[in-house]
Amino acid sequence: MMQARPHERFSATVTLEPSAVSAFAAAVGDTNPVHHDAEVAASSRFGRLLASGPQTTAHLLALTASHFSKRGAMLGLEFWVRFRKPVYADETITLEWLVVSVKHNSRLNGEIIDLRGRVRKQNGETAVGAKGRVLLTEKF
């Protein structure tokens, strides 16, 4: 198993599309019209369709699984998010994570990895701030 290292960074870019944003929101039971109805969204304070919070955070959390599962068995232990700015349904976003610390845990036979992350909007602003903790081990 490859070890994680403090200060390690990883990222990905995702281009959202309004139809996929609406489908995701519907799939998770989010019926808020700002994700589905362009007319309602246009008259809202945001002026256009928004991606749902569950979608933006799902992309961000999934990146940790994709990144660390290449090295071994990865399990998410906890995540915390803060929504700062709206993410539009037609926006390209950047998902970013930084490894803050890595501690061996003999009881779990693996590494506990503390992370800080964010979703950046096209204009560079942070839309979502995040903290996470994952376990990386050799097998589930």
N, C-alpha and C. Protein backbone atom coordinates (compact mmCIF):
# COMPACT_ATOMS: atom_id res chain seq x y z
N MET A 1 0.85 -1.19 0.00
CA MET A 1 0.00 0.00 0.00
C MET A 1 0.89 1.24 0.00
N MET A 2 0.58 2.15 -0.90
CA MET A 2 1.31 3.42 -0.93
C MET A 2 0.79 4.32 0.18
N GLN A 3 1.67 5.02 0.81
CA GLN A 3 1.26 5.91 1.89
C GLN A 3 0.88 7.28 1.36
N ALA A 4 -0.05 7.90 2.05
CA ALA A 4 -0.38 9.30 1.78
C ALA A 4 0.67 10.17 2.45
N ARG A 5 0.81 11.38 1.96
CA ARG A 5 1.80 12.30 2.51
C ARG A 5 1.16 13.64 2.84
N PRO A 6 1.50 14.23 3.98
CA PRO A 6 1.03 15.59 4.26
C PRO A 6 1.46 16.53 3.14
N HIS A 7 0.62 17.49 2.84
CA HIS A 7 0.82 18.50 1.80
C HIS A 7 0.53 17.98 0.39
N GLU A 8 0.20 16.70 0.27
CA GLU A 8 -0.19 16.14 -1.02
C GLU A 8 -1.49 16.81 -1.46
N ARG A 9 -1.59 17.15 -2.74
CA ARG A 9 -2.78 17.78 -3.29
C ARG A 9 -3.30 16.93 -4.45
N PHE A 10 -4.61 16.94 -4.62
CA PHE A 10 -5.21 16.30 -5.78
C PHE A 10 -6.49 17.05 -6.13
N SER A 11 -6.82 17.02 -7.41
CA SER A 11 -7.96 17.82 -7.88
C SER A 11 -8.57 17.20 -9.13
N ALA A 12 -9.72 17.72 -9.50
CA ALA A 12 -10.42 17.32 -10.72
C ALA A 12 -11.31 18.47 -11.15
N THR A 13 -11.65 18.49 -12.42
CA THR A 13 -12.54 19.49 -12.97
C THR A 13 -13.80 18.79 -13.47
N VAL A 14 -14.95 19.40 -13.17
CA VAL A 14 -16.24 18.85 -13.59
C VAL A 14 -17.03 19.96 -14.29
N THR A 15 -17.55 19.66 -15.46
CA THR A 15 -18.43 20.59 -16.16
C THR A 15 -19.86 20.13 -15.95
N LEU A 16 -20.64 20.97 -15.30
CA LEU A 16 -22.04 20.65 -15.03
C LEU A 16 -22.91 21.02 -16.22
N GLU A 17 -24.00 20.29 -16.38
CA GLU A 17 -24.97 20.57 -17.43
C GLU A 17 -26.35 20.61 -16.79
N PRO A 18 -27.18 21.58 -17.15
CA PRO A 18 -28.49 21.74 -16.51
C PRO A 18 -29.34 20.47 -16.49
N SER A 19 -29.37 19.71 -17.56
CA SER A 19 -30.21 18.50 -17.57
C SER A 19 -29.68 17.46 -16.58
N ALA A 20 -28.37 17.33 -16.48
CA ALA A 20 -27.78 16.38 -15.52
C ALA A 20 -27.96 16.87 -14.09
N VAL A 21 -27.90 18.18 -13.87
CA VAL A 21 -28.13 18.75 -12.54
C VAL A 21 -29.56 18.46 -12.09
N SER A 22 -30.51 18.67 -12.98
CA SER A 22 -31.90 18.40 -12.65
C SER A 22 -32.12 16.91 -12.38
N ALA A 23 -31.51 16.06 -13.18
CA ALA A 23 -31.65 14.61 -13.00
C ALA A 23 -31.05 14.16 -11.67
N PHE A 24 -29.90 14.71 -11.30
CA PHE A 24 -29.29 14.35 -10.03
C PHE A 24 -30.19 14.77 -8.87
N ALA A 25 -30.65 16.01 -8.92
CA ALA A 25 -31.53 16.51 -7.85
C ALA A 25 -32.77 15.64 -7.74
N ALA A 26 -33.36 15.28 -8.85
CA ALA A 26 -34.55 14.43 -8.83
C ALA A 26 -34.22 13.06 -8.25
N ALA A 27 -33.06 12.51 -8.60
CA ALA A 27 -32.68 11.18 -8.13
C ALA A 27 -32.50 11.12 -6.61
N VAL A 28 -32.08 12.24 -6.02
CA VAL A 28 -31.89 12.24 -4.56
C VAL A 28 -33.08 12.85 -3.82
N GLY A 29 -34.15 13.17 -4.57
CA GLY A 29 -35.36 13.67 -3.93
C GLY A 29 -35.38 15.16 -3.65
N ASP A 30 -34.50 15.92 -4.29
CA ASP A 30 -34.45 17.37 -4.10
C ASP A 30 -35.35 18.02 -5.14
N THR A 31 -36.54 18.43 -4.72
CA THR A 31 -37.52 19.00 -5.65
C THR A 31 -37.49 20.53 -5.70
N ASN A 32 -36.51 21.14 -5.09
CA ASN A 32 -36.40 22.60 -5.11
C ASN A 32 -36.39 23.08 -6.57
N PRO A 33 -37.32 23.95 -6.94
CA PRO A 33 -37.42 24.37 -8.35
C PRO A 33 -36.19 25.10 -8.88
N VAL A 34 -35.32 25.63 -8.04
CA VAL A 34 -34.12 26.30 -8.56
C VAL A 34 -33.16 25.32 -9.23
N HIS A 35 -33.42 24.01 -9.09
CA HIS A 35 -32.61 22.99 -9.76
C HIS A 35 -33.28 22.45 -11.02
N HIS A 36 -34.56 22.75 -11.21
CA HIS A 36 -35.35 22.13 -12.26
C HIS A 36 -36.05 23.10 -13.22
N ASP A 37 -36.43 24.26 -12.74
CA ASP A 37 -37.29 25.17 -13.49
C ASP A 37 -36.54 26.47 -13.80
N ALA A 38 -36.13 26.61 -15.05
CA ALA A 38 -35.32 27.78 -15.45
C ALA A 38 -36.05 29.09 -15.20
N GLU A 39 -37.35 29.10 -15.37
CA GLU A 39 -38.14 30.32 -15.16
C GLU A 39 -38.14 30.72 -13.68
N VAL A 40 -38.37 29.76 -12.81
CA VAL A 40 -38.34 30.03 -11.37
C VAL A 40 -36.94 30.47 -10.96
N ALA A 41 -35.93 29.77 -11.46
CA ALA A 41 -34.55 30.12 -11.12
C ALA A 41 -34.19 31.52 -11.60
N ALA A 42 -34.66 31.89 -12.77
CA ALA A 42 -34.37 33.22 -13.33
C ALA A 42 -34.96 34.32 -12.46
N SER A 43 -36.08 34.06 -11.82
CA SER A 43 -36.70 35.08 -10.98
C SER A 43 -36.21 35.02 -9.53
N SER A 44 -35.31 34.08 -9.24
CA SER A 44 -34.77 33.96 -7.87
C SER A 44 -33.61 34.93 -7.67
N ARG A 45 -33.13 35.01 -6.47
CA ARG A 45 -31.97 35.87 -6.17
C ARG A 45 -30.72 35.43 -6.93
N PHE A 46 -30.71 34.18 -7.44
CA PHE A 46 -29.53 33.65 -8.13
C PHE A 46 -29.55 33.90 -9.63
N GLY A 47 -30.73 34.11 -10.20
CA GLY A 47 -30.85 34.49 -11.60
C GLY A 47 -30.77 33.36 -12.61
N ARG A 48 -30.41 32.17 -12.17
CA ARG A 48 -30.36 31.03 -13.09
C ARG A 48 -30.33 29.73 -12.32
N LEU A 49 -30.43 28.62 -13.04
CA LEU A 49 -30.48 27.30 -12.39
C LEU A 49 -29.23 27.04 -11.55
N LEU A 50 -29.44 26.38 -10.41
CA LEU A 50 -28.36 26.03 -9.50
C LEU A 50 -28.16 24.53 -9.43
N ALA A 51 -26.93 24.12 -9.20
CA ALA A 51 -26.64 22.74 -8.83
C ALA A 51 -27.02 22.58 -7.36
N SER A 52 -27.46 21.40 -6.99
CA SER A 52 -27.83 21.16 -5.60
C SER A 52 -26.58 20.94 -4.74
N GLY A 53 -26.71 21.25 -3.46
CA GLY A 53 -25.62 20.99 -2.52
C GLY A 53 -25.21 19.53 -2.49
N PRO A 54 -26.19 18.59 -2.48
CA PRO A 54 -25.80 17.18 -2.50
C PRO A 54 -24.96 16.81 -3.74
N GLN A 55 -25.22 17.45 -4.86
CA GLN A 55 -24.44 17.11 -6.05
C GLN A 55 -23.01 17.62 -5.96
N THR A 56 -22.86 18.88 -5.57
CA THR A 56 -21.49 19.42 -5.49
C THR A 56 -20.67 18.68 -4.45
N THR A 57 -21.28 18.36 -3.32
CA THR A 57 -20.53 17.64 -2.29
C THR A 57 -20.29 16.18 -2.70
N ALA A 58 -21.22 15.57 -3.43
CA ALA A 58 -20.99 14.20 -3.91
C ALA A 58 -19.77 14.15 -4.82
N HIS A 59 -19.64 15.12 -5.72
CA HIS A 59 -18.46 15.17 -6.57
C HIS A 59 -17.19 15.31 -5.74
N LEU A 60 -17.24 16.19 -4.75
CA LEU A 60 -16.06 16.44 -3.93
C LEU A 60 -15.67 15.21 -3.11
N LEU A 61 -16.64 14.58 -2.46
CA LEU A 61 -16.35 13.40 -1.65
C LEU A 61 -15.93 12.23 -2.51
N ALA A 62 -16.55 12.07 -3.68
CA ALA A 62 -16.19 10.97 -4.57
C ALA A 62 -14.75 11.07 -5.03
N LEU A 63 -14.23 12.29 -5.15
CA LEU A 63 -12.84 12.45 -5.55
C LEU A 63 -11.89 11.81 -4.53
N THR A 64 -12.23 11.87 -3.24
CA THR A 64 -11.36 11.23 -2.25
C THR A 64 -11.33 9.72 -2.47
N ALA A 65 -12.49 9.13 -2.74
CA ALA A 65 -12.56 7.69 -2.98
C ALA A 65 -11.78 7.31 -4.23
N SER A 66 -11.96 8.06 -5.30
CA SER A 66 -11.25 7.77 -6.55
C SER A 66 -9.74 7.89 -6.36
N HIS A 67 -9.31 8.89 -5.65
CA HIS A 67 -7.88 9.13 -5.45
C HIS A 67 -7.24 8.05 -4.58
N PHE A 68 -7.80 7.82 -3.41
CA PHE A 68 -7.14 6.91 -2.46
C PHE A 68 -7.39 5.43 -2.76
N SER A 69 -8.46 5.09 -3.44
CA SER A 69 -8.72 3.68 -3.72
C SER A 69 -7.71 3.09 -4.72
N LYS A 70 -6.94 3.93 -5.38
CA LYS A 70 -5.86 3.45 -6.24
C LYS A 70 -4.70 2.91 -5.41
N ARG A 71 -4.68 3.24 -4.11
CA ARG A 71 -3.57 2.87 -3.23
C ARG A 71 -3.92 1.74 -2.28
N GLY A 72 -5.20 1.47 -2.12
CA GLY A 72 -5.63 0.44 -1.17
C GLY A 72 -7.11 0.57 -0.92
N ALA A 73 -7.56 -0.03 0.16
CA ALA A 73 -8.96 0.04 0.54
C ALA A 73 -9.19 1.37 1.26
N MET A 74 -10.11 2.16 0.74
CA MET A 74 -10.37 3.49 1.30
C MET A 74 -11.79 3.53 1.83
N LEU A 75 -11.95 4.05 3.03
CA LEU A 75 -13.26 4.25 3.63
C LEU A 75 -13.37 5.68 4.13
N GLY A 76 -14.45 6.36 3.79
CA GLY A 76 -14.70 7.69 4.34
C GLY A 76 -15.15 7.55 5.79
N LEU A 77 -14.58 8.32 6.68
CA LEU A 77 -14.94 8.27 8.09
C LEU A 77 -15.84 9.43 8.49
N GLU A 78 -15.51 10.62 8.02
CA GLU A 78 -16.36 11.78 8.32
C GLU A 78 -16.03 12.91 7.36
N PHE A 79 -17.06 13.71 7.06
CA PHE A 79 -16.89 14.89 6.22
C PHE A 79 -17.76 16.00 6.77
N TRP A 80 -17.29 17.22 6.60
CA TRP A 80 -18.00 18.43 7.01
C TRP A 80 -17.92 19.38 5.84
N VAL A 81 -19.03 20.03 5.51
CA VAL A 81 -19.01 20.99 4.41
C VAL A 81 -19.69 22.29 4.81
N ARG A 82 -19.27 23.36 4.16
CA ARG A 82 -19.88 24.67 4.36
C ARG A 82 -20.13 25.27 2.99
N PHE A 83 -21.38 25.64 2.74
CA PHE A 83 -21.76 26.24 1.47
C PHE A 83 -21.56 27.75 1.56
N ARG A 84 -20.75 28.29 0.64
CA ARG A 84 -20.41 29.71 0.67
C ARG A 84 -20.99 30.50 -0.49
N LYS A 85 -21.01 29.91 -1.66
CA LYS A 85 -21.49 30.59 -2.87
C LYS A 85 -22.31 29.59 -3.68
N PRO A 86 -23.26 30.07 -4.47
CA PRO A 86 -24.02 29.15 -5.32
C PRO A 86 -23.15 28.60 -6.45
N VAL A 87 -23.45 27.37 -6.82
CA VAL A 87 -22.83 26.76 -7.99
C VAL A 87 -23.93 26.65 -9.05
N TYR A 88 -23.67 27.23 -10.21
CA TYR A 88 -24.67 27.25 -11.28
C TYR A 88 -24.69 25.93 -12.05
N ALA A 89 -25.85 25.61 -12.58
CA ALA A 89 -26.07 24.33 -13.25
C ALA A 89 -25.30 24.18 -14.56
N ASP A 90 -24.72 25.27 -15.05
CA ASP A 90 -23.97 25.23 -16.31
C ASP A 90 -22.51 25.63 -16.10
N GLU A 91 -22.03 25.46 -14.90
CA GLU A 91 -20.70 25.94 -14.54
C GLU A 91 -19.67 24.81 -14.58
N THR A 92 -18.41 25.18 -14.83
CA THR A 92 -17.30 24.25 -14.68
C THR A 92 -16.68 24.52 -13.32
N ILE A 93 -16.60 23.48 -12.50
CA ILE A 93 -16.08 23.62 -11.14
C ILE A 93 -14.80 22.81 -10.98
N THR A 94 -13.99 23.25 -10.04
CA THR A 94 -12.76 22.53 -9.72
C THR A 94 -12.88 22.00 -8.30
N LEU A 95 -12.61 20.71 -8.15
CA LEU A 95 -12.64 20.04 -6.86
C LEU A 95 -11.19 19.89 -6.39
N GLU A 96 -10.92 20.30 -5.16
CA GLU A 96 -9.53 20.28 -4.67
C GLU A 96 -9.47 19.72 -3.26
N TRP A 97 -8.46 18.91 -2.99
CA TRP A 97 -8.20 18.38 -1.65
C TRP A 97 -6.72 18.54 -1.31
N LEU A 98 -6.45 18.77 -0.03
CA LEU A 98 -5.11 18.85 0.52
C LEU A 98 -5.03 17.88 1.69
N VAL A 99 -4.01 17.03 1.71
CA VAL A 99 -3.77 16.15 2.85
C VAL A 99 -3.12 16.99 3.95
N VAL A 100 -3.79 17.08 5.09
CA VAL A 100 -3.29 17.88 6.21
C VAL A 100 -2.41 17.04 7.12
N SER A 101 -2.86 15.82 7.44
CA SER A 101 -2.06 14.96 8.30
C SER A 101 -2.35 13.50 7.99
N VAL A 102 -1.38 12.67 8.30
CA VAL A 102 -1.50 11.22 8.13
C VAL A 102 -1.00 10.58 9.41
N LYS A 103 -1.86 9.76 10.02
CA LYS A 103 -1.49 9.09 11.27
C LYS A 103 -1.77 7.60 11.15
N HIS A 104 -0.78 6.78 11.47
CA HIS A 104 -0.99 5.34 11.46
C HIS A 104 -1.90 4.96 12.63
N ASN A 105 -2.85 4.07 12.37
CA ASN A 105 -3.75 3.57 13.40
C ASN A 105 -3.63 2.05 13.41
N SER A 106 -2.96 1.51 14.44
CA SER A 106 -2.72 0.07 14.50
C SER A 106 -4.00 -0.72 14.72
N ARG A 107 -4.97 -0.17 15.45
CA ARG A 107 -6.23 -0.89 15.68
C ARG A 107 -6.99 -1.09 14.38
N LEU A 108 -6.98 -0.08 13.50
CA LEU A 108 -7.65 -0.18 12.21
C LEU A 108 -6.73 -0.69 11.11
N ASN A 109 -5.47 -0.90 11.45
CA ASN A 109 -4.46 -1.40 10.52
C ASN A 109 -4.39 -0.55 9.25
N GLY A 110 -4.26 0.75 9.45
CA GLY A 110 -4.18 1.64 8.30
C GLY A 110 -3.81 3.05 8.70
N GLU A 111 -4.01 3.94 7.77
CA GLU A 111 -3.70 5.36 7.97
C GLU A 111 -4.99 6.16 8.07
N ILE A 112 -5.06 7.02 9.07
CA ILE A 112 -6.14 7.99 9.18
C ILE A 112 -5.61 9.27 8.52
N ILE A 113 -6.32 9.73 7.50
CA ILE A 113 -5.88 10.88 6.71
C ILE A 113 -6.86 12.02 6.91
N ASP A 114 -6.37 13.15 7.40
CA ASP A 114 -7.18 14.36 7.55
C ASP A 114 -6.97 15.24 6.32
N LEU A 115 -8.08 15.77 5.82
CA LEU A 115 -8.08 16.52 4.57
C LEU A 115 -8.78 17.86 4.71
N ARG A 116 -8.41 18.79 3.87
CA ARG A 116 -9.14 20.05 3.69
C ARG A 116 -9.42 20.16 2.20
N GLY A 117 -10.65 20.54 1.88
CA GLY A 117 -11.00 20.60 0.47
C GLY A 117 -11.89 21.77 0.14
N ARG A 118 -12.16 21.90 -1.16
CA ARG A 118 -13.07 22.95 -1.60
C ARG A 118 -13.55 22.68 -3.01
N VAL A 119 -14.64 23.33 -3.32
CA VAL A 119 -15.16 23.41 -4.69
C VAL A 119 -14.96 24.86 -5.11
N ARG A 120 -14.21 25.03 -6.20
CA ARG A 120 -13.99 26.38 -6.73
C ARG A 120 -14.87 26.60 -7.95
N LYS A 121 -15.47 27.78 -8.00
CA LYS A 121 -16.27 28.19 -9.15
C LYS A 121 -15.36 28.56 -10.33
N GLN A 122 -15.95 28.75 -11.50
CA GLN A 122 -15.19 29.16 -12.68
C GLN A 122 -14.38 30.42 -12.44
N ASN A 123 -14.93 31.34 -11.64
CA ASN A 123 -14.23 32.61 -11.39
C ASN A 123 -13.20 32.51 -10.28
N GLY A 124 -12.97 31.31 -9.74
CA GLY A 124 -11.95 31.10 -8.72
C GLY A 124 -12.45 31.19 -7.30
N GLU A 125 -13.67 31.67 -7.10
CA GLU A 125 -14.21 31.78 -5.75
C GLU A 125 -14.49 30.40 -5.17
N THR A 126 -14.35 30.30 -3.85
CA THR A 126 -14.69 29.05 -3.18
C THR A 126 -16.19 29.01 -2.95
N ALA A 127 -16.83 27.99 -3.51
CA ALA A 127 -18.27 27.81 -3.34
C ALA A 127 -18.58 26.91 -2.15
N VAL A 128 -17.74 25.91 -1.93
CA VAL A 128 -17.93 24.96 -0.83
C VAL A 128 -16.58 24.73 -0.17
N GLY A 129 -16.55 24.85 1.14
CA GLY A 129 -15.36 24.49 1.91
C GLY A 129 -15.63 23.15 2.57
N ALA A 130 -14.59 22.35 2.77
CA ALA A 130 -14.79 21.02 3.34
C ALA A 130 -13.61 20.57 4.19
N LYS A 131 -13.94 19.68 5.12
CA LYS A 131 -12.95 18.94 5.89
C LYS A 131 -13.34 17.49 5.80
N GLY A 132 -12.37 16.61 5.83
CA GLY A 132 -12.68 15.20 5.74
C GLY A 132 -11.68 14.36 6.49
N ARG A 133 -12.09 13.14 6.78
CA ARG A 133 -11.20 12.16 7.41
C ARG A 133 -11.51 10.82 6.76
N VAL A 134 -10.47 10.16 6.26
CA VAL A 134 -10.64 8.87 5.61
C VAL A 134 -9.66 7.87 6.20
N LEU A 135 -9.98 6.60 6.01
CA LEU A 135 -9.10 5.51 6.40
C LEU A 135 -8.58 4.87 5.13
N LEU A 136 -7.27 4.69 5.06
CA LEU A 136 -6.64 3.98 3.95
C LEU A 136 -5.96 2.76 4.55
N THR A 137 -6.35 1.58 4.08
CA THR A 137 -5.83 0.34 4.61
C THR A 137 -5.61 -0.64 3.46
N GLU A 138 -5.05 -1.80 3.74
CA GLU A 138 -4.77 -2.75 2.67
C GLU A 138 -6.00 -3.52 2.22
N LYS A 139 -6.95 -3.75 3.12
CA LYS A 139 -8.17 -4.45 2.72
C LYS A 139 -9.32 -4.02 3.60
N PHE A 140 -10.53 -4.19 3.10
CA PHE A 140 -11.73 -3.78 3.82
C PHE A 140 -11.97 -4.70 5.00
